[in-house]
Amino acid sequence: MDDVKILRVNDLMQRMGIGRDRAYAIMRSKGFPAMKIGVTYFVTETNFYRWLDDYAGKEFKFDNEKGA
């Protein structure tokens, strides 16, 4: 079995070129495949890129934004 790569908030920040607040907002959003253990959010690299591909050409709305 291949090793599963786990991404944290800092990894999202680097890969997407976004700040900490936006990265946490994405991790907490309903459609994002994150898991939370204690106070720490995680997402597998595979699920992250699958989610990213699903949003290709679309506008992502944060849960607290109108029309989300």
PDB file of N, CA and C in Angstrom:
ATOM      1  N   MET A   1       0.840  -1.186   0.000  1.00  0.00           N
ATOM      2  CA  MET A   1       0.000   0.000   0.000  1.00  0.00           C
ATOM      3  C   MET A   1       0.880   1.243   0.000  1.00  0.00           C
ATOM      4  N   ASP A   2       0.519   2.220  -0.828  1.00  0.00           N
ATOM      5  CA  ASP A   2       1.276   3.461  -0.906  1.00  0.00           C
ATOM      6  C   ASP A   2       1.041   4.302   0.341  1.00  0.00           C
ATOM      7  N   ASP A   3       2.050   5.088   0.689  1.00  0.00           N
ATOM      8  CA  ASP A   3       1.904   6.019   1.809  1.00  0.00           C
ATOM      9  C   ASP A   3       0.911   7.112   1.430  1.00  0.00           C
ATOM     10  N   VAL A   4       0.055   7.458   2.353  1.00  0.00           N
ATOM     11  CA  VAL A   4      -0.916   8.523   2.137  1.00  0.00           C
ATOM     12  C   VAL A   4      -0.300   9.833   2.598  1.00  0.00           C
ATOM     13  N   LYS A   5      -0.309  10.818   1.730  1.00  0.00           N
ATOM     14  CA  LYS A   5       0.229  12.141   2.058  1.00  0.00           C
ATOM     15  C   LYS A   5      -0.890  12.959   2.688  1.00  0.00           C
ATOM     16  N   ILE A   6      -0.625  13.487   3.870  1.00  0.00           N
ATOM     17  CA  ILE A   6      -1.592  14.288   4.607  1.00  0.00           C
ATOM     18  C   ILE A   6      -1.199  15.760   4.517  1.00  0.00           C
ATOM     19  N   LEU A   7      -2.164  16.597   4.205  1.00  0.00           N
ATOM     20  CA  LEU A   7      -1.931  18.036   4.125  1.00  0.00           C
ATOM     21  C   LEU A   7      -2.596  18.726   5.304  1.00  0.00           C
ATOM     22  N   ARG A   8      -1.935  19.755   5.798  1.00  0.00           N
ATOM     23  CA  ARG A   8      -2.472  20.587   6.879  1.00  0.00           C
ATOM     24  C   ARG A   8      -2.722  21.990   6.338  1.00  0.00           C
ATOM     25  N   VAL A   9      -3.152  22.868   7.196  1.00  0.00           N
ATOM     26  CA  VAL A   9      -3.471  24.236   6.795  1.00  0.00           C
ATOM     27  C   VAL A   9      -2.279  24.902   6.117  1.00  0.00           C
ATOM     28  N   ASN A  10      -1.097  24.762   6.681  1.00  0.00           N
ATOM     29  CA  ASN A  10       0.095  25.385   6.084  1.00  0.00           C
ATOM     30  C   ASN A  10       0.355  24.866   4.673  1.00  0.00           C
ATOM     31  N   ASP A  11       0.070  23.595   4.438  1.00  0.00           N
ATOM     32  CA  ASP A  11       0.248  23.030   3.102  1.00  0.00           C
ATOM     33  C   ASP A  11      -0.718  23.653   2.103  1.00  0.00           C
ATOM     34  N   LEU A  12      -1.969  23.857   2.516  1.00  0.00           N
ATOM     35  CA  LEU A  12      -2.933  24.526   1.646  1.00  0.00           C
ATOM     36  C   LEU A  12      -2.491  25.947   1.343  1.00  0.00           C
ATOM     37  N   MET A  13      -1.989  26.641   2.358  1.00  0.00           N
ATOM     38  CA  MET A  13      -1.515  28.008   2.176  1.00  0.00           C
ATOM     39  C   MET A  13      -0.438  28.059   1.090  1.00  0.00           C
ATOM     40  N   GLN A  14       0.507  27.155   1.145  1.00  0.00           N
ATOM     41  CA  GLN A  14       1.604  27.125   0.178  1.00  0.00           C
ATOM     42  C   GLN A  14       1.121  26.729  -1.208  1.00  0.00           C
ATOM     43  N   ARG A  15       0.312  25.679  -1.294  1.00  0.00           N
ATOM     44  CA  ARG A  15      -0.124  25.184  -2.592  1.00  0.00           C
ATOM     45  C   ARG A  15      -1.071  26.150  -3.307  1.00  0.00           C
ATOM     46  N   MET A  16      -1.877  26.877  -2.536  1.00  0.00           N
ATOM     47  CA  MET A  16      -2.878  27.750  -3.139  1.00  0.00           C
ATOM     48  C   MET A  16      -2.482  29.225  -3.119  1.00  0.00           C
ATOM     49  N   GLY A  17      -1.415  29.560  -2.404  1.00  0.00           N
ATOM     50  CA  GLY A  17      -0.986  30.951  -2.316  1.00  0.00           C
ATOM     51  C   GLY A  17      -1.996  31.814  -1.579  1.00  0.00           C
ATOM     52  N   ILE A  18      -2.551  31.267  -0.499  1.00  0.00           N
ATOM     53  CA  ILE A  18      -3.569  31.974   0.280  1.00  0.00           C
ATOM     54  C   ILE A  18      -3.094  32.135   1.715  1.00  0.00           C
ATOM     55  N   GLY A  19      -3.779  32.963   2.456  1.00  0.00           N
ATOM     56  CA  GLY A  19      -3.446  33.190   3.850  1.00  0.00           C
ATOM     57  C   GLY A  19      -4.069  32.157   4.774  1.00  0.00           C
ATOM     58  N   ARG A  20      -3.691  32.243   6.031  1.00  0.00           N
ATOM     59  CA  ARG A  20      -4.151  31.298   7.049  1.00  0.00           C
ATOM     60  C   ARG A  20      -5.676  31.324   7.223  1.00  0.00           C
ATOM     61  N   ASP A  21      -6.276  32.512   7.274  1.00  0.00           N
ATOM     62  CA  ASP A  21      -7.721  32.607   7.470  1.00  0.00           C
ATOM     63  C   ASP A  21      -8.489  31.927   6.347  1.00  0.00           C
ATOM     64  N   ARG A  22      -8.062  32.152   5.107  1.00  0.00           N
ATOM     65  CA  ARG A  22      -8.721  31.511   3.958  1.00  0.00           C
ATOM     66  C   ARG A  22      -8.527  29.997   3.991  1.00  0.00           C
ATOM     67  N   ALA A  23      -7.325  29.561   4.334  1.00  0.00           N
ATOM     68  CA  ALA A  23      -7.061  28.121   4.391  1.00  0.00           C
ATOM     69  C   ALA A  23      -7.946  27.446   5.433  1.00  0.00           C
ATOM     70  N   TYR A  24      -8.090  28.061   6.605  1.00  0.00           N
ATOM     71  CA  TYR A  24      -8.982  27.500   7.625  1.00  0.00           C
ATOM     72  C   TYR A  24     -10.431  27.524   7.157  1.00  0.00           C
ATOM     73  N   ALA A  25     -10.835  28.590   6.483  1.00  0.00           N
ATOM     74  CA  ALA A  25     -12.207  28.679   5.984  1.00  0.00           C
ATOM     75  C   ALA A  25     -12.491  27.562   4.981  1.00  0.00           C
ATOM     76  N   ILE A  26     -11.530  27.263   4.128  1.00  0.00           N
ATOM     77  CA  ILE A  26     -11.692  26.159   3.169  1.00  0.00           C
ATOM     78  C   ILE A  26     -11.792  24.840   3.912  1.00  0.00           C
ATOM     79  N   MET A  27     -10.899  24.619   4.869  1.00  0.00           N
ATOM     80  CA  MET A  27     -10.912  23.365   5.626  1.00  0.00           C
ATOM     81  C   MET A  27     -12.253  23.152   6.346  1.00  0.00           C
ATOM     82  N   ARG A  28     -12.873  24.240   6.798  1.00  0.00           N
ATOM     83  CA  ARG A  28     -14.135  24.141   7.534  1.00  0.00           C
ATOM     84  C   ARG A  28     -15.369  24.116   6.632  1.00  0.00           C
ATOM     85  N   SER A  29     -15.201  24.395   5.354  1.00  0.00           N
ATOM     86  CA  SER A  29     -16.356  24.488   4.464  1.00  0.00           C
ATOM     87  C   SER A  29     -16.992  23.115   4.236  1.00  0.00           C
ATOM     88  N   LYS A  30     -18.288  23.125   4.005  1.00  0.00           N
ATOM     89  CA  LYS A  30     -19.079  21.893   3.903  1.00  0.00           C
ATOM     90  C   LYS A  30     -18.619  20.957   2.803  1.00  0.00           C
ATOM     91  N   GLY A  31     -18.256  21.482   1.664  1.00  0.00           N
ATOM     92  CA  GLY A  31     -17.903  20.630   0.534  1.00  0.00           C
ATOM     93  C   GLY A  31     -16.464  20.161   0.497  1.00  0.00           C
ATOM     94  N   PHE A  32     -15.670  20.572   1.455  1.00  0.00           N
ATOM     95  CA  PHE A  32     -14.252  20.222   1.449  1.00  0.00           C
ATOM     96  C   PHE A  32     -14.035  18.919   2.221  1.00  0.00           C
ATOM     97  N   PRO A  33     -13.242  17.996   1.676  1.00  0.00           N
ATOM     98  CA  PRO A  33     -13.081  16.667   2.276  1.00  0.00           C
ATOM     99  C   PRO A  33     -12.084  16.604   3.436  1.00  0.00           C
ATOM    100  N   ALA A  34     -12.151  17.563   4.346  1.00  0.00           N
ATOM    101  CA  ALA A  34     -11.219  17.591   5.482  1.00  0.00           C
ATOM    102  C   ALA A  34     -11.726  16.727   6.622  1.00  0.00           C
ATOM    103  N   MET A  35     -10.816  16.352   7.470  1.00  0.00           N
ATOM    104  CA  MET A  35     -11.158  15.684   8.726  1.00  0.00           C
ATOM    105  C   MET A  35     -10.529  16.492   9.842  1.00  0.00           C
ATOM    106  N   LYS A  36     -11.109  16.411  11.005  1.00  0.00           N
ATOM    107  CA  LYS A  36     -10.600  17.171  12.146  1.00  0.00           C
ATOM    108  C   LYS A  36     -10.337  16.210  13.293  1.00  0.00           C
ATOM    109  N   ILE A  37      -9.141  16.279  13.821  1.00  0.00           N
ATOM    110  CA  ILE A  37      -8.767  15.481  14.986  1.00  0.00           C
ATOM    111  C   ILE A  37      -8.327  16.479  16.044  1.00  0.00           C
ATOM    112  N   GLY A  38      -9.099  16.553  17.114  1.00  0.00           N
ATOM    113  CA  GLY A  38      -8.845  17.579  18.125  1.00  0.00           C
ATOM    114  C   GLY A  38      -9.136  18.937  17.525  1.00  0.00           C
ATOM    115  N   VAL A  39      -8.125  19.777  17.461  1.00  0.00           N
ATOM    116  CA  VAL A  39      -8.292  21.105  16.872  1.00  0.00           C
ATOM    117  C   VAL A  39      -7.577  21.228  15.525  1.00  0.00           C
ATOM    118  N   THR A  40      -7.018  20.130  15.042  1.00  0.00           N
ATOM    119  CA  THR A  40      -6.215  20.150  13.820  1.00  0.00           C
ATOM    120  C   THR A  40      -6.992  19.589  12.637  1.00  0.00           C
ATOM    121  N   TYR A  41      -6.990  20.348  11.538  1.00  0.00           N
ATOM    122  CA  TYR A  41      -7.626  19.914  10.296  1.00  0.00           C
ATOM    123  C   TYR A  41      -6.606  19.244   9.390  1.00  0.00           C
ATOM    124  N   PHE A  42      -7.058  18.194   8.691  1.00  0.00           N
ATOM    125  CA  PHE A  42      -6.233  17.451   7.744  1.00  0.00           C
ATOM    126  C   PHE A  42      -7.057  17.152   6.501  1.00  0.00           C
ATOM    127  N   VAL A  43      -6.362  16.925   5.396  1.00  0.00           N
ATOM    128  CA  VAL A  43      -6.985  16.413   4.181  1.00  0.00           C
ATOM    129  C   VAL A  43      -5.923  15.582   3.473  1.00  0.00           C
ATOM    130  N   THR A  44      -6.331  14.479   2.859  1.00  0.00           N
ATOM    131  CA  THR A  44      -5.351  13.712   2.098  1.00  0.00           C
ATOM    132  C   THR A  44      -5.029  14.477   0.821  1.00  0.00           C
ATOM    133  N   GLU A  45      -3.819  14.323   0.352  1.00  0.00           N
ATOM    134  CA  GLU A  45      -3.405  15.014  -0.861  1.00  0.00           C
ATOM    135  C   GLU A  45      -4.292  14.614  -2.036  1.00  0.00           C
ATOM    136  N   THR A  46      -4.627  13.344  -2.125  1.00  0.00           N
ATOM    137  CA  THR A  46      -5.496  12.857  -3.201  1.00  0.00           C
ATOM    138  C   THR A  46      -6.854  13.544  -3.169  1.00  0.00           C
ATOM    139  N   ASN A  47      -7.465  13.607  -1.990  1.00  0.00           N
ATOM    140  CA  ASN A  47      -8.776  14.253  -1.875  1.00  0.00           C
ATOM    141  C   ASN A  47      -8.702  15.755  -2.133  1.00  0.00           C
ATOM    142  N   PHE A  48      -7.615  16.384  -1.725  1.00  0.00           N
ATOM    143  CA  PHE A  48      -7.432  17.811  -1.988  1.00  0.00           C
ATOM    144  C   PHE A  48      -7.415  18.085  -3.478  1.00  0.00           C
ATOM    145  N   TYR A  49      -6.604  17.321  -4.227  1.00  0.00           N
ATOM    146  CA  TYR A  49      -6.513  17.569  -5.663  1.00  0.00           C
ATOM    147  C   TYR A  49      -7.792  17.167  -6.389  1.00  0.00           C
ATOM    148  N   ARG A  50      -8.490  16.167  -5.906  1.00  0.00           N
ATOM    149  CA  ARG A  50      -9.787  15.797  -6.471  1.00  0.00           C
ATOM    150  C   ARG A  50     -10.783  16.952  -6.274  1.00  0.00           C
ATOM    151  N   TRP A  51     -10.810  17.528  -5.058  1.00  0.00           N
ATOM    152  CA  TRP A  51     -11.675  18.670  -4.762  1.00  0.00           C
ATOM    153  C   TRP A  51     -11.312  19.849  -5.661  1.00  0.00           C
ATOM    154  N   LEU A  52     -10.025  20.112  -5.808  1.00  0.00           N
ATOM    155  CA  LEU A  52      -9.558  21.214  -6.644  1.00  0.00           C
ATOM    156  C   LEU A  52     -10.005  21.020  -8.092  1.00  0.00           C
ATOM    157  N   ASP A  53      -9.873  19.809  -8.604  1.00  0.00           N
ATOM    158  CA  ASP A  53     -10.313  19.507  -9.971  1.00  0.00           C
ATOM    159  C   ASP A  53     -11.816  19.709 -10.130  1.00  0.00           C
ATOM    160  N   ASP A  54     -12.587  19.341  -9.109  1.00  0.00           N
ATOM    161  CA  ASP A  54     -14.041  19.516  -9.154  1.00  0.00           C
ATOM    162  C   ASP A  54     -14.428  20.983  -9.273  1.00  0.00           C
ATOM    163  N   TYR A  55     -13.608  21.891  -8.744  1.00  0.00           N
ATOM    164  CA  TYR A  55     -13.905  23.317  -8.785  1.00  0.00           C
ATOM    165  C   TYR A  55     -13.264  24.031  -9.961  1.00  0.00           C
ATOM    166  N   ALA A  56     -12.592  23.302 -10.834  1.00  0.00           N
ATOM    167  CA  ALA A  56     -11.959  23.927 -11.998  1.00  0.00           C
ATOM    168  C   ALA A  56     -13.010  24.662 -12.822  1.00  0.00           C
ATOM    169  N   GLY A  57     -12.761  25.943 -13.078  1.00  0.00           N
ATOM    170  CA  GLY A  57     -13.683  26.750 -13.864  1.00  0.00           C
ATOM    171  C   GLY A  57     -14.892  27.266 -13.107  1.00  0.00           C
ATOM    172  N   LYS A  58     -14.963  26.992 -11.797  1.00  0.00           N
ATOM    173  CA  LYS A  58     -16.089  27.437 -10.976  1.00  0.00           C
ATOM    174  C   LYS A  58     -15.594  28.411  -9.914  1.00  0.00           C
ATOM    175  N   GLU A  59     -16.513  29.159  -9.366  1.00  0.00           N
ATOM    176  CA  GLU A  59     -16.180  30.060  -8.268  1.00  0.00           C
ATOM    177  C   GLU A  59     -16.512  29.374  -6.949  1.00  0.00           C
ATOM    178  N   PHE A  60     -15.548  29.339  -6.051  1.00  0.00           N
ATOM    179  CA  PHE A  60     -15.765  28.745  -4.733  1.00  0.00           C
ATOM    180  C   PHE A  60     -16.346  29.800  -3.808  1.00  0.00           C
ATOM    181  N   LYS A  61     -17.452  29.479  -3.170  1.00  0.00           N
ATOM    182  CA  LYS A  61     -18.076  30.378  -2.193  1.00  0.00           C
ATOM    183  C   LYS A  61     -17.831  29.826  -0.801  1.00  0.00           C
ATOM    184  N   PHE A  62     -17.305  30.662   0.071  1.00  0.00           N
ATOM    185  CA  PHE A  62     -17.127  30.258   1.459  1.00  0.00           C
ATOM    186  C   PHE A  62     -18.487  30.176   2.124  1.00  0.00           C
ATOM    187  N   ASP A  63     -18.610  29.319   3.126  1.00  0.00           N
ATOM    188  CA  ASP A  63     -19.894  29.079   3.785  1.00  0.00           C
ATOM    189  C   ASP A  63     -20.525  30.350   4.326  1.00  0.00           C
ATOM    190  N   ASN A  64     -19.723  31.316   4.727  1.00  0.00           N
ATOM    191  CA  ASN A  64     -20.273  32.542   5.317  1.00  0.00           C
ATOM    192  C   ASN A  64     -20.563  33.618   4.277  1.00  0.00           C
ATOM    193  N   GLU A  65     -20.307  33.336   2.998  1.00  0.00           N
ATOM    194  CA  GLU A  65     -20.592  34.305   1.952  1.00  0.00           C
ATOM    195  C   GLU A  65     -21.983  34.085   1.384  1.00  0.00           C
ATOM    196  N   LYS A  66     -22.606  35.139   0.944  1.00  0.00           N
ATOM    197  CA  LYS A  66     -23.940  35.060   0.355  1.00  0.00           C
ATOM    198  C   LYS A  66     -23.905  34.178  -0.887  1.00  0.00           C
ATOM    199  N   GLY A  67     -24.851  33.285  -0.969  1.00  0.00           N
ATOM    200  CA  GLY A  67     -24.930  32.387  -2.114  1.00  0.00           C
ATOM    201  C   GLY A  67     -24.102  31.135  -1.963  1.00  0.00           C
ATOM    202  N   ALA A  68     -23.574  30.910  -0.772  1.00  0.00           N
ATOM    203  CA  ALA A  68     -22.724  29.731  -0.552  1.00  0.00           C
ATOM    204  C   ALA A  68     -23.557  28.475  -0.523  1.00  0.00           C
TER     205      ALA A  68
END
